[in-house]
Amino acid sequence: MSDLFKELREKVQQENPAIVFPEGTDERILKAAARLAEENVLRPILIGNTGEVAAKAEELGVKLGEIQLIDPKEYSEFESLVSSFVERRKGKATEEQARQILLDENYFGTMLVYAEKAHGLVSGGAHSTADTVRPALQIIKTKEGIKKTSGAFIMVKGDEKYVFADCAINIAPTSEDLAESAIVSAHTARVFGIEPKVGLLSFSTKGSAKSPETEKVVEATQLLKEKNPDFPFDGELQFDAAFVPSVAQKKAPDSVLKGEANVFIFPGLETGNIGYKMVQRLGGYEAIGPILQGLNMPVNDLSRGCNEEDVYKLALITAMQAL
């Protein structure tokens, strides 16, 4: 395990937060939850039919120990969650509709977080990103001043750590979206011990090419200047001008980043998704995420191709966000 996760585990262990796993019968979830509980890192809450969860655990040889199991159909405070959901949705769901909706494990788990019965949620091993994100946007919602959630990856190799965003959610972000993503990505960086230096990326550096695509990044940089955030940033920059000091000196000599960016804002989902996978596969970096940014409380989405270790690590990240 990398130094980053050793640090996270130590910090999380001190607070021992509760994290919800809606996919309680999934083998990967069960094994990761058992590890987290056995190590006393955090308190897992597994959602599902309690008999089915227990049977699956026995089949796998997993000891549930002190793990909390909750079946929405048998939850003693279910009606309280129904009332809270109706109020939160502001007339978009009746009580009867809410009762049906909250039988869905992702909606139920998200309501547990909203009701402060848990500190965060990890799902997606057996569900689509939409199945995980939709309840979060409807119930937990984005922080004040944040219009859209975005997806970041922490790229880790040894003691090197970088943030890449948005690599998971917004297909064609506007200049406003890019500026917003820069702000929340800087916050994510600080959560994981990275003092942010933010580069807004393009295929152009400081006007070396002009097109609607480059102008979008120029405008995002200007919008960020107007917000006056408490971290250094610059754009539009090609990756080498953002990351390599000698190249920055030639291409962007006046840049405040001086080729030392560690948070990278990609101009679109195509470039972000391709970029992080190339760095992961060719560069040998571990890609942790996607971490959903901008929500009032942490909800994170696993890949359906995840393994037990991915679940374990994303749970640590989610717990750290909650702290």
C-alpha atoms as a PDB file:
ATOM      1  CA  MET A   1       0.000   0.000   0.000  1.00  0.00           C
ATOM      2  CA  SER A   2       1.317   3.433  -0.959  1.00  0.00           C
ATOM      3  CA  ASP A   3       2.360   6.002   1.620  1.00  0.00           C
ATOM      4  CA  LEU A   4      -0.740   8.038   0.754  1.00  0.00           C
ATOM      5  CA  PHE A   5      -3.075   5.296   1.909  1.00  0.00           C
ATOM      6  CA  LYS A   6      -1.037   4.535   5.006  1.00  0.00           C
ATOM      7  CA  GLU A   7      -1.443   8.213   5.947  1.00  0.00           C
ATOM      8  CA  LEU A   8      -5.155   8.164   5.155  1.00  0.00           C
ATOM      9  CA  ARG A   9      -5.714   5.017   7.203  1.00  0.00           C
ATOM     10  CA  GLU A  10      -4.001   6.520  10.239  1.00  0.00           C
ATOM     11  CA  LYS A  11      -6.043   9.727  10.026  1.00  0.00           C
ATOM     12  CA  VAL A  12      -9.366   7.975   9.407  1.00  0.00           C
ATOM     13  CA  GLN A  13      -8.753   5.432  12.156  1.00  0.00           C
ATOM     14  CA  GLN A  14      -8.627   8.224  14.740  1.00  0.00           C
ATOM     15  CA  GLU A  15     -12.229   9.240  13.944  1.00  0.00           C
ATOM     16  CA  ASN A  16     -13.679   5.830  12.939  1.00  0.00           C
ATOM     17  CA  PRO A  17     -16.462   7.218  10.698  1.00  0.00           C
ATOM     18  CA  ALA A  18     -19.393   5.189   9.358  1.00  0.00           C
ATOM     19  CA  ILE A  19     -19.461   4.491   5.603  1.00  0.00           C
ATOM     20  CA  VAL A  20     -22.465   3.002   3.764  1.00  0.00           C
ATOM     21  CA  PHE A  21     -22.054   0.267   1.146  1.00  0.00           C
ATOM     22  CA  PRO A  22     -25.399  -0.239  -0.644  1.00  0.00           C
ATOM     23  CA  GLU A  23     -24.166  -3.378  -2.460  1.00  0.00           C
ATOM     24  CA  GLY A  24     -24.107  -5.605   0.596  1.00  0.00           C
ATOM     25  CA  THR A  25     -24.053  -8.979  -1.177  1.00  0.00           C
ATOM     26  CA  ASP A  26     -21.201  -8.143  -3.558  1.00  0.00           C
ATOM     27  CA  GLU A  27     -18.121 -10.281  -2.862  1.00  0.00           C
ATOM     28  CA  ARG A  28     -15.690  -7.370  -3.285  1.00  0.00           C
ATOM     29  CA  ILE A  29     -17.709  -5.142  -0.977  1.00  0.00           C
ATOM     30  CA  LEU A  30     -18.049  -7.814   1.687  1.00  0.00           C
ATOM     31  CA  LYS A  31     -14.336  -8.604   1.745  1.00  0.00           C
ATOM     32  CA  ALA A  32     -13.259  -4.944   1.815  1.00  0.00           C
ATOM     33  CA  ALA A  33     -15.824  -4.085   4.504  1.00  0.00           C
ATOM     34  CA  ALA A  34     -14.642  -7.006   6.638  1.00  0.00           C
ATOM     35  CA  ARG A  35     -11.035  -5.783   6.348  1.00  0.00           C
ATOM     36  CA  LEU A  36     -11.969  -2.226   7.271  1.00  0.00           C
ATOM     37  CA  ALA A  37     -13.983  -3.415  10.275  1.00  0.00           C
ATOM     38  CA  GLU A  38     -11.342  -5.911  11.430  1.00  0.00           C
ATOM     39  CA  GLU A  39      -8.645  -3.231  11.243  1.00  0.00           C
ATOM     40  CA  ASN A  40     -10.982  -0.860  13.101  1.00  0.00           C
ATOM     41  CA  VAL A  41     -10.413   1.784  10.417  1.00  0.00           C
ATOM     42  CA  LEU A  42     -14.062   2.726   9.920  1.00  0.00           C
ATOM     43  CA  ARG A  43     -17.554   1.380  10.612  1.00  0.00           C
ATOM     44  CA  PRO A  44     -19.057  -0.254   7.505  1.00  0.00           C
ATOM     45  CA  ILE A  45     -22.831  -0.315   7.031  1.00  0.00           C
ATOM     46  CA  LEU A  46     -23.988  -2.920   4.490  1.00  0.00           C
ATOM     47  CA  ILE A  47     -27.387  -2.504   2.823  1.00  0.00           C
ATOM     48  CA  GLY A  48     -29.455  -5.490   1.675  1.00  0.00           C
ATOM     49  CA  ASN A  49     -31.556  -8.391   2.824  1.00  0.00           C
ATOM     50  CA  THR A  50     -29.804  -9.350   6.052  1.00  0.00           C
ATOM     51  CA  GLY A  51     -30.295 -13.082   5.491  1.00  0.00           C
ATOM     52  CA  GLU A  52     -28.834 -12.872   1.977  1.00  0.00           C
ATOM     53  CA  VAL A  53     -25.881 -10.768   3.133  1.00  0.00           C
ATOM     54  CA  ALA A  54     -25.141 -13.163   6.001  1.00  0.00           C
ATOM     55  CA  ALA A  55     -25.432 -16.198   3.703  1.00  0.00           C
ATOM     56  CA  LYS A  56     -23.080 -14.659   1.132  1.00  0.00           C
ATOM     57  CA  ALA A  57     -20.578 -13.792   3.863  1.00  0.00           C
ATOM     58  CA  GLU A  58     -20.679 -17.364   5.184  1.00  0.00           C
ATOM     59  CA  GLU A  59     -20.202 -18.730   1.655  1.00  0.00           C
ATOM     60  CA  LEU A  60     -17.114 -16.531   1.214  1.00  0.00           C
ATOM     61  CA  GLY A  61     -15.753 -17.263   4.685  1.00  0.00           C
ATOM     62  CA  VAL A  62     -16.061 -13.584   5.600  1.00  0.00           C
ATOM     63  CA  LYS A  63     -16.621 -12.701   9.235  1.00  0.00           C
ATOM     64  CA  LEU A  64     -19.126  -9.876   9.584  1.00  0.00           C
ATOM     65  CA  GLY A  65     -18.167  -9.203  13.207  1.00  0.00           C
ATOM     66  CA  GLU A  66     -19.390  -5.738  14.217  1.00  0.00           C
ATOM     67  CA  ILE A  67     -20.455  -4.719  10.699  1.00  0.00           C
ATOM     68  CA  GLN A  68     -23.927  -3.198  10.733  1.00  0.00           C
ATOM     69  CA  LEU A  69     -26.436  -4.790   8.359  1.00  0.00           C
ATOM     70  CA  ILE A  70     -29.557  -2.845   7.367  1.00  0.00           C
ATOM     71  CA  ASP A  71     -32.495  -4.103   5.328  1.00  0.00           C
ATOM     72  CA  PRO A  72     -34.534  -1.092   4.144  1.00  0.00           C
ATOM     73  CA  LYS A  73     -37.736  -3.136   4.490  1.00  0.00           C
ATOM     74  CA  GLU A  74     -37.035  -3.743   8.174  1.00  0.00           C
ATOM     75  CA  TYR A  75     -35.431  -0.420   9.126  1.00  0.00           C
ATOM     76  CA  SER A  76     -37.132   0.999  12.220  1.00  0.00           C
ATOM     77  CA  GLU A  77     -36.725   4.624  11.092  1.00  0.00           C
ATOM     78  CA  PHE A  78     -37.853   4.028   7.512  1.00  0.00           C
ATOM     79  CA  GLU A  79     -40.898   6.317   7.777  1.00  0.00           C
ATOM     80  CA  SER A  80     -38.718   9.114   9.118  1.00  0.00           C
ATOM     81  CA  LEU A  81     -36.499   8.777   6.046  1.00  0.00           C
ATOM     82  CA  VAL A  82     -39.600   8.833   3.838  1.00  0.00           C
ATOM     83  CA  SER A  83     -40.719  12.126   5.378  1.00  0.00           C
ATOM     84  CA  SER A  84     -37.247  13.630   5.008  1.00  0.00           C
ATOM     85  CA  PHE A  85     -37.060  12.519   1.391  1.00  0.00           C
ATOM     86  CA  VAL A  86     -40.441  14.059   0.525  1.00  0.00           C
ATOM     87  CA  GLU A  87     -39.377  17.327   2.159  1.00  0.00           C
ATOM     88  CA  ARG A  88     -36.008  17.292   0.399  1.00  0.00           C
ATOM     89  CA  ARG A  89     -37.569  16.664  -3.006  1.00  0.00           C
ATOM     90  CA  LYS A  90     -39.970  19.602  -2.468  1.00  0.00           C
ATOM     91  CA  GLY A  91     -43.109  18.088  -3.901  1.00  0.00           C
ATOM     92  CA  LYS A  92     -41.450  16.000  -6.619  1.00  0.00           C
ATOM     93  CA  ALA A  93     -42.392  12.769  -4.827  1.00  0.00           C
ATOM     94  CA  THR A  94     -45.416  11.746  -2.754  1.00  0.00           C
ATOM     95  CA  GLU A  95     -45.014   9.687   0.420  1.00  0.00           C
ATOM     96  CA  GLU A  96     -46.138   6.576  -1.420  1.00  0.00           C
ATOM     97  CA  GLN A  97     -43.623   7.215  -4.214  1.00  0.00           C
ATOM     98  CA  ALA A  98     -40.925   7.872  -1.613  1.00  0.00           C
ATOM     99  CA  ARG A  99     -41.578   4.516   0.061  1.00  0.00           C
ATOM    100  CA  GLN A 100     -40.982   2.759  -3.236  1.00  0.00           C
ATOM    101  CA  ILE A 101     -37.940   4.869  -4.148  1.00  0.00           C
ATOM    102  CA  LEU A 102     -36.262   4.261  -0.785  1.00  0.00           C
ATOM    103  CA  LEU A 103     -36.428   0.513  -1.255  1.00  0.00           C
ATOM    104  CA  ASP A 104     -33.688   1.095  -3.830  1.00  0.00           C
ATOM    105  CA  GLU A 105     -30.431   0.496  -1.970  1.00  0.00           C
ATOM    106  CA  ASN A 106     -28.633   3.519  -3.433  1.00  0.00           C
ATOM    107  CA  TYR A 107     -31.432   5.926  -2.559  1.00  0.00           C
ATOM    108  CA  PHE A 108     -31.766   4.358   0.885  1.00  0.00           C
ATOM    109  CA  GLY A 109     -28.031   4.513   1.535  1.00  0.00           C
ATOM    110  CA  THR A 110     -27.841   8.122   0.362  1.00  0.00           C
ATOM    111  CA  MET A 111     -30.687   9.029   2.723  1.00  0.00           C
ATOM    112  CA  LEU A 112     -28.735   7.481   5.610  1.00  0.00           C
ATOM    113  CA  VAL A 113     -25.877   9.859   4.797  1.00  0.00           C
ATOM    114  CA  TYR A 114     -28.242  12.833   4.462  1.00  0.00           C
ATOM    115  CA  ALA A 115     -29.854  11.932   7.814  1.00  0.00           C
ATOM    116  CA  GLU A 116     -26.352  11.810   9.352  1.00  0.00           C
ATOM    117  CA  LYS A 117     -26.653   8.125  10.208  1.00  0.00           C
ATOM    118  CA  ALA A 118     -23.426   7.704   8.222  1.00  0.00           C
ATOM    119  CA  HIS A 119     -20.612   9.956   7.043  1.00  0.00           C
ATOM    120  CA  GLY A 120     -20.352   8.882   3.398  1.00  0.00           C
ATOM    121  CA  LEU A 121     -21.288   6.298   0.772  1.00  0.00           C
ATOM    122  CA  VAL A 122     -19.415   4.048  -1.664  1.00  0.00           C
ATOM    123  CA  SER A 123     -21.315   2.314  -4.468  1.00  0.00           C
ATOM    124  CA  GLY A 124     -20.973   1.422  -8.145  1.00  0.00           C
ATOM    125  CA  GLY A 125     -19.449  -2.052  -8.052  1.00  0.00           C
ATOM    126  CA  ALA A 126     -22.696  -3.472  -9.426  1.00  0.00           C
ATOM    127  CA  HIS A 127     -24.422  -0.242 -10.481  1.00  0.00           C
ATOM    128  CA  SER A 128     -23.873   2.378 -13.164  1.00  0.00           C
ATOM    129  CA  THR A 129     -22.410   5.783 -12.360  1.00  0.00           C
ATOM    130  CA  ALA A 130     -25.879   7.286 -12.910  1.00  0.00           C
ATOM    131  CA  ASP A 131     -27.362   4.931 -10.294  1.00  0.00           C
ATOM    132  CA  THR A 132     -24.872   6.249  -7.742  1.00  0.00           C
ATOM    133  CA  VAL A 133     -24.765   9.911  -8.741  1.00  0.00           C
ATOM    134  CA  ARG A 134     -28.490  10.553  -9.304  1.00  0.00           C
ATOM    135  CA  PRO A 135     -29.556   9.977  -5.648  1.00  0.00           C
ATOM    136  CA  ALA A 136     -26.612  12.071  -4.463  1.00  0.00           C
ATOM    137  CA  LEU A 137     -27.597  15.018  -6.664  1.00  0.00           C
ATOM    138  CA  GLN A 138     -31.259  14.758  -5.668  1.00  0.00           C
ATOM    139  CA  ILE A 139     -30.734  14.305  -1.934  1.00  0.00           C
ATOM    140  CA  ILE A 140     -27.302  15.506  -0.808  1.00  0.00           C
ATOM    141  CA  LYS A 141     -26.933  18.085  -3.597  1.00  0.00           C
ATOM    142  CA  THR A 142     -23.959  20.276  -4.416  1.00  0.00           C
ATOM    143  CA  LYS A 143     -22.446  22.823  -2.069  1.00  0.00           C
ATOM    144  CA  GLU A 144     -23.630  26.413  -2.180  1.00  0.00           C
ATOM    145  CA  GLY A 145     -22.083  28.161  -5.176  1.00  0.00           C
ATOM    146  CA  ILE A 146     -21.308  24.871  -6.956  1.00  0.00           C
ATOM    147  CA  LYS A 147     -23.562  24.121  -9.918  1.00  0.00           C
ATOM    148  CA  LYS A 148     -22.196  20.744 -11.003  1.00  0.00           C
ATOM    149  CA  THR A 149     -20.384  17.836  -9.463  1.00  0.00           C
ATOM    150  CA  SER A 150     -17.186  16.697 -11.173  1.00  0.00           C
ATOM    151  CA  GLY A 151     -14.973  13.631 -11.023  1.00  0.00           C
ATOM    152  CA  ALA A 152     -11.317  13.752 -10.006  1.00  0.00           C
ATOM    153  CA  PHE A 153      -8.605  11.124  -9.861  1.00  0.00           C
ATOM    154  CA  ILE A 154      -5.648  11.148  -7.490  1.00  0.00           C
ATOM    155  CA  MET A 155      -2.680   9.852  -9.494  1.00  0.00           C
ATOM    156  CA  VAL A 156      -0.118   8.250  -7.185  1.00  0.00           C
ATOM    157  CA  LYS A 157       3.338   6.745  -7.721  1.00  0.00           C
ATOM    158  CA  GLY A 158       5.668   6.525  -4.738  1.00  0.00           C
ATOM    159  CA  ASP A 159       5.603   9.927  -3.058  1.00  0.00           C
ATOM    160  CA  GLU A 160       4.308  11.677  -6.204  1.00  0.00           C
ATOM    161  CA  LYS A 161       0.659  12.805  -6.050  1.00  0.00           C
ATOM    162  CA  TYR A 162      -1.382  14.717  -8.631  1.00  0.00           C
ATOM    163  CA  VAL A 163      -5.047  15.566  -9.173  1.00  0.00           C
ATOM    164  CA  PHE A 164      -6.667  15.128 -12.609  1.00  0.00           C
ATOM    165  CA  ALA A 165     -10.179  16.519 -13.281  1.00  0.00           C
ATOM    166  CA  ASP A 166     -12.785  16.248 -14.697  1.00  0.00           C
ATOM    167  CA  CYS A 167     -12.201  12.701 -15.907  1.00  0.00           C
ATOM    168  CA  ALA A 168     -15.577  11.138 -15.136  1.00  0.00           C
ATOM    169  CA  ILE A 169     -18.701  13.300 -15.223  1.00  0.00           C
ATOM    170  CA  ASN A 170     -19.081  16.330 -17.508  1.00  0.00           C
ATOM    171  CA  ILE A 171     -18.680  15.522 -21.204  1.00  0.00           C
ATOM    172  CA  ALA A 172     -18.402  19.054 -22.615  1.00  0.00           C
ATOM    173  CA  PRO A 173     -17.777  21.502 -19.756  1.00  0.00           C
ATOM    174  CA  THR A 174     -18.316  25.213 -20.270  1.00  0.00           C
ATOM    175  CA  SER A 175     -15.779  27.828 -19.197  1.00  0.00           C
ATOM    176  CA  GLU A 176     -17.832  28.269 -15.998  1.00  0.00           C
ATOM    177  CA  ASP A 177     -17.662  24.523 -15.374  1.00  0.00           C
ATOM    178  CA  LEU A 178     -13.876  24.525 -15.813  1.00  0.00           C
ATOM    179  CA  ALA A 179     -13.414  27.390 -13.363  1.00  0.00           C
ATOM    180  CA  GLU A 180     -15.662  25.627 -10.855  1.00  0.00           C
ATOM    181  CA  SER A 181     -13.787  22.357 -11.361  1.00  0.00           C
ATOM    182  CA  ALA A 182     -10.500  24.134 -10.650  1.00  0.00           C
ATOM    183  CA  ILE A 183     -11.807  25.386  -7.303  1.00  0.00           C
ATOM    184  CA  VAL A 184     -13.212  22.065  -6.073  1.00  0.00           C
ATOM    185  CA  SER A 185     -10.161  20.160  -7.374  1.00  0.00           C
ATOM    186  CA  ALA A 186      -7.889  22.446  -5.356  1.00  0.00           C
ATOM    187  CA  HIS A 187      -9.964  21.583  -2.298  1.00  0.00           C
ATOM    188  CA  THR A 188      -9.659  17.864  -3.103  1.00  0.00           C
ATOM    189  CA  ALA A 189      -5.891  18.274  -3.398  1.00  0.00           C
ATOM    190  CA  ARG A 190      -5.660  19.779   0.078  1.00  0.00           C
ATOM    191  CA  VAL A 191      -7.746  16.962   1.582  1.00  0.00           C
ATOM    192  CA  PHE A 192      -5.018  14.591   0.400  1.00  0.00           C
ATOM    193  CA  GLY A 193      -2.040  16.660   1.470  1.00  0.00           C
ATOM    194  CA  ILE A 194      -1.309  18.355  -1.870  1.00  0.00           C
ATOM    195  CA  GLU A 195      -0.834  22.134  -1.821  1.00  0.00           C
ATOM    196  CA  PRO A 196      -2.576  22.968  -5.110  1.00  0.00           C
ATOM    197  CA  LYS A 197      -0.948  24.596  -8.112  1.00  0.00           C
ATOM    198  CA  VAL A 198      -3.631  24.447 -10.778  1.00  0.00           C
ATOM    199  CA  GLY A 199      -3.029  24.257 -14.523  1.00  0.00           C
ATOM    200  CA  LEU A 200      -5.949  24.683 -16.937  1.00  0.00           C
ATOM    201  CA  LEU A 201      -4.934  22.571 -19.914  1.00  0.00           C
ATOM    202  CA  SER A 202      -5.344  23.037 -23.636  1.00  0.00           C
ATOM    203  CA  PHE A 203      -3.562  22.185 -26.896  1.00  0.00           C
ATOM    204  CA  SER A 204      -2.417  25.817 -26.888  1.00  0.00           C
ATOM    205  CA  THR A 205      -0.154  27.808 -24.578  1.00  0.00           C
ATOM    206  CA  LYS A 206      -0.910  31.500 -24.117  1.00  0.00           C
ATOM    207  CA  GLY A 207      -2.450  32.047 -27.528  1.00  0.00           C
ATOM    208  CA  SER A 208      -0.153  29.830 -29.591  1.00  0.00           C
ATOM    209  CA  ALA A 209      -3.336  28.616 -31.284  1.00  0.00           C
ATOM    210  CA  LYS A 210      -6.804  30.108 -31.399  1.00  0.00           C
ATOM    211  CA  SER A 211     -10.103  28.251 -31.655  1.00  0.00           C
ATOM    212  CA  PRO A 212     -13.374  28.030 -29.699  1.00  0.00           C
ATOM    213  CA  GLU A 213     -11.752  25.221 -27.684  1.00  0.00           C
ATOM    214  CA  THR A 214      -8.770  27.307 -26.604  1.00  0.00           C
ATOM    215  CA  GLU A 215     -10.880  30.406 -25.978  1.00  0.00           C
ATOM    216  CA  LYS A 216     -13.031  28.390 -23.578  1.00  0.00           C
ATOM    217  CA  VAL A 217      -9.982  27.703 -21.421  1.00  0.00           C
ATOM    218  CA  VAL A 218      -8.839  31.341 -21.651  1.00  0.00           C
ATOM    219  CA  GLU A 219     -12.279  32.442 -20.468  1.00  0.00           C
ATOM    220  CA  ALA A 220     -12.255  29.876 -17.643  1.00  0.00           C
ATOM    221  CA  THR A 221      -8.924  31.266 -16.450  1.00  0.00           C
ATOM    222  CA  GLN A 222     -10.342  34.800 -16.483  1.00  0.00           C
ATOM    223  CA  LEU A 223     -13.415  33.659 -14.512  1.00  0.00           C
ATOM    224  CA  LEU A 224     -11.102  32.043 -11.979  1.00  0.00           C
ATOM    225  CA  LYS A 225      -9.174  35.308 -11.614  1.00  0.00           C
ATOM    226  CA  GLU A 226     -12.434  37.078 -10.814  1.00  0.00           C
ATOM    227  CA  LYS A 227     -13.145  34.552  -8.070  1.00  0.00           C
ATOM    228  CA  ASN A 228      -9.703  35.276  -6.558  1.00  0.00           C
ATOM    229  CA  PRO A 229      -9.050  31.804  -5.087  1.00  0.00           C
ATOM    230  CA  ASP A 230      -6.316  31.152  -2.531  1.00  0.00           C
ATOM    231  CA  PHE A 231      -4.105  29.015  -4.756  1.00  0.00           C
ATOM    232  CA  PRO A 232      -1.862  29.693  -7.772  1.00  0.00           C
ATOM    233  CA  PHE A 233      -3.305  28.825 -11.187  1.00  0.00           C
ATOM    234  CA  ASP A 234      -2.790  29.557 -14.854  1.00  0.00           C
ATOM    235  CA  GLY A 235      -4.137  28.749 -18.318  1.00  0.00           C
ATOM    236  CA  GLU A 236      -4.372  28.128 -21.160  1.00  0.00           C
ATOM    237  CA  LEU A 237      -1.375  25.801 -20.988  1.00  0.00           C
ATOM    238  CA  GLN A 238      -0.215  22.725 -22.831  1.00  0.00           C
ATOM    239  CA  PHE A 239       0.670  19.938 -20.439  1.00  0.00           C
ATOM    240  CA  ASP A 240       4.433  20.351 -20.863  1.00  0.00           C
ATOM    241  CA  ALA A 241       4.176  24.095 -20.196  1.00  0.00           C
ATOM    242  CA  ALA A 242       2.231  23.348 -17.010  1.00  0.00           C
ATOM    243  CA  PHE A 243       4.475  20.543 -15.773  1.00  0.00           C
ATOM    244  CA  VAL A 244       8.039  20.917 -17.054  1.00  0.00           C
ATOM    245  CA  PRO A 245       9.929  23.968 -15.690  1.00  0.00           C
ATOM    246  CA  SER A 246      12.326  24.189 -18.645  1.00  0.00           C
ATOM    247  CA  VAL A 247       9.445  24.121 -21.138  1.00  0.00           C
ATOM    248  CA  ALA A 248       7.447  26.621 -19.080  1.00  0.00           C
ATOM    249  CA  GLN A 249      10.403  29.001 -19.173  1.00  0.00           C
ATOM    250  CA  LYS A 250      10.269  28.969 -22.981  1.00  0.00           C
ATOM    251  CA  LYS A 251       6.529  28.776 -23.632  1.00  0.00           C
ATOM    252  CA  ALA A 252       5.089  30.657 -20.635  1.00  0.00           C
ATOM    253  CA  PRO A 253       7.912  32.564 -18.908  1.00  0.00           C
ATOM    254  CA  ASP A 254       5.491  34.796 -17.009  1.00  0.00           C
ATOM    255  CA  SER A 255       3.359  31.937 -15.676  1.00  0.00           C
ATOM    256  CA  VAL A 256       2.967  31.882 -11.907  1.00  0.00           C
ATOM    257  CA  LEU A 257       3.141  28.068 -12.039  1.00  0.00           C
ATOM    258  CA  LYS A 258       6.665  27.969 -13.517  1.00  0.00           C
ATOM    259  CA  GLY A 259       6.038  24.435 -14.767  1.00  0.00           C
ATOM    260  CA  GLU A 260       5.195  23.072 -11.320  1.00  0.00           C
ATOM    261  CA  ALA A 261       1.448  22.374 -11.605  1.00  0.00           C
ATOM    262  CA  ASN A 262       0.132  19.422  -9.592  1.00  0.00           C
ATOM    263  CA  VAL A 263      -3.615  19.825 -10.249  1.00  0.00           C
ATOM    264  CA  PHE A 264      -4.625  19.510 -13.887  1.00  0.00           C
ATOM    265  CA  ILE A 265      -7.981  20.671 -15.261  1.00  0.00           C
ATOM    266  CA  PHE A 266      -8.738  19.018 -18.587  1.00  0.00           C
ATOM    267  CA  PRO A 267     -10.817  20.917 -21.180  1.00  0.00           C
ATOM    268  CA  GLY A 268     -13.259  18.037 -21.729  1.00  0.00           C
ATOM    269  CA  LEU A 269     -14.128  14.533 -20.638  1.00  0.00           C
ATOM    270  CA  GLU A 270     -12.482  13.000 -23.712  1.00  0.00           C
ATOM    271  CA  THR A 271      -9.073  14.434 -22.870  1.00  0.00           C
ATOM    272  CA  GLY A 272      -9.459  13.860 -19.134  1.00  0.00           C
ATOM    273  CA  ASN A 273     -10.491  10.233 -19.405  1.00  0.00           C
ATOM    274  CA  ILE A 274      -7.859   9.398 -22.022  1.00  0.00           C
ATOM    275  CA  GLY A 275      -5.198  11.350 -20.130  1.00  0.00           C
ATOM    276  CA  TYR A 276      -5.583   9.658 -16.772  1.00  0.00           C
ATOM    277  CA  LYS A 277      -5.708   6.188 -18.343  1.00  0.00           C
ATOM    278  CA  MET A 278      -2.508   6.850 -20.314  1.00  0.00           C
ATOM    279  CA  VAL A 279      -0.690   8.037 -17.212  1.00  0.00           C
ATOM    280  CA  GLN A 280      -2.021   5.014 -15.332  1.00  0.00           C
ATOM    281  CA  ARG A 281      -1.114   2.409 -17.950  1.00  0.00           C
ATOM    282  CA  LEU A 282       2.018   3.884 -19.517  1.00  0.00           C
ATOM    283  CA  GLY A 283       3.342   5.841 -16.562  1.00  0.00           C
ATOM    284  CA  GLY A 284       2.703   3.239 -13.893  1.00  0.00           C
ATOM    285  CA  TYR A 285       0.634   5.551 -11.695  1.00  0.00           C
ATOM    286  CA  GLU A 286      -2.158   4.292  -9.491  1.00  0.00           C
ATOM    287  CA  ALA A 287      -5.419   6.046 -10.422  1.00  0.00           C
ATOM    288  CA  ILE A 288      -7.650   6.506  -7.381  1.00  0.00           C
ATOM    289  CA  GLY A 289     -11.197   7.557  -8.094  1.00  0.00           C
ATOM    290  CA  PRO A 290     -13.315   8.940  -9.492  1.00  0.00           C
ATOM    291  CA  ILE A 291     -13.807  11.130  -6.451  1.00  0.00           C
ATOM    292  CA  LEU A 292     -17.078  13.035  -6.777  1.00  0.00           C
ATOM    293  CA  GLN A 293     -16.413  16.692  -6.009  1.00  0.00           C
ATOM    294  CA  GLY A 294     -18.642  19.534  -4.915  1.00  0.00           C
ATOM    295  CA  LEU A 295     -21.251  17.562  -2.942  1.00  0.00           C
ATOM    296  CA  ASN A 296     -22.340  18.566   0.552  1.00  0.00           C
ATOM    297  CA  MET A 297     -21.436  15.091   1.857  1.00  0.00           C
ATOM    298  CA  PRO A 298     -19.146  12.478   0.257  1.00  0.00           C
ATOM    299  CA  VAL A 299     -20.553   9.919  -2.166  1.00  0.00           C
ATOM    300  CA  ASN A 300     -18.144   8.049  -4.424  1.00  0.00           C
ATOM    301  CA  ASP A 301     -18.536   5.772  -7.407  1.00  0.00           C
ATOM    302  CA  LEU A 302     -16.654   2.533  -7.997  1.00  0.00           C
ATOM    303  CA  SER A 303     -15.949   1.079 -11.405  1.00  0.00           C
ATOM    304  CA  ARG A 304     -17.950  -2.064 -12.104  1.00  0.00           C
ATOM    305  CA  GLY A 305     -14.586  -3.662 -12.899  1.00  0.00           C
ATOM    306  CA  CYS A 306     -13.205  -2.819  -9.449  1.00  0.00           C
ATOM    307  CA  ASN A 307     -11.539  -5.284  -7.107  1.00  0.00           C
ATOM    308  CA  GLU A 308     -11.513  -5.587  -3.323  1.00  0.00           C
ATOM    309  CA  GLU A 309      -8.484  -3.302  -3.015  1.00  0.00           C
ATOM    310  CA  ASP A 310     -10.244  -0.567  -5.026  1.00  0.00           C
ATOM    311  CA  VAL A 311     -13.224  -0.743  -2.660  1.00  0.00           C
ATOM    312  CA  TYR A 312     -10.957  -0.577   0.377  1.00  0.00           C
ATOM    313  CA  LYS A 313      -9.086   2.468  -0.918  1.00  0.00           C
ATOM    314  CA  LEU A 314     -12.141   4.381  -2.122  1.00  0.00           C
ATOM    315  CA  ALA A 315     -13.731   3.812   1.286  1.00  0.00           C
ATOM    316  CA  LEU A 316     -10.651   5.393   2.903  1.00  0.00           C
ATOM    317  CA  ILE A 317     -10.884   8.359   0.513  1.00  0.00           C
ATOM    318  CA  THR A 318     -14.595   8.787   1.221  1.00  0.00           C
ATOM    319  CA  ALA A 319     -13.965   8.675   4.957  1.00  0.00           C
ATOM    320  CA  MET A 320     -11.176  11.238   4.597  1.00  0.00           C
ATOM    321  CA  GLN A 321     -13.493  13.562   2.678  1.00  0.00           C
ATOM    322  CA  ALA A 322     -16.010  13.243   5.505  1.00  0.00           C
ATOM    323  CA  LEU A 323     -13.392  14.324   8.031  1.00  0.00           C
END
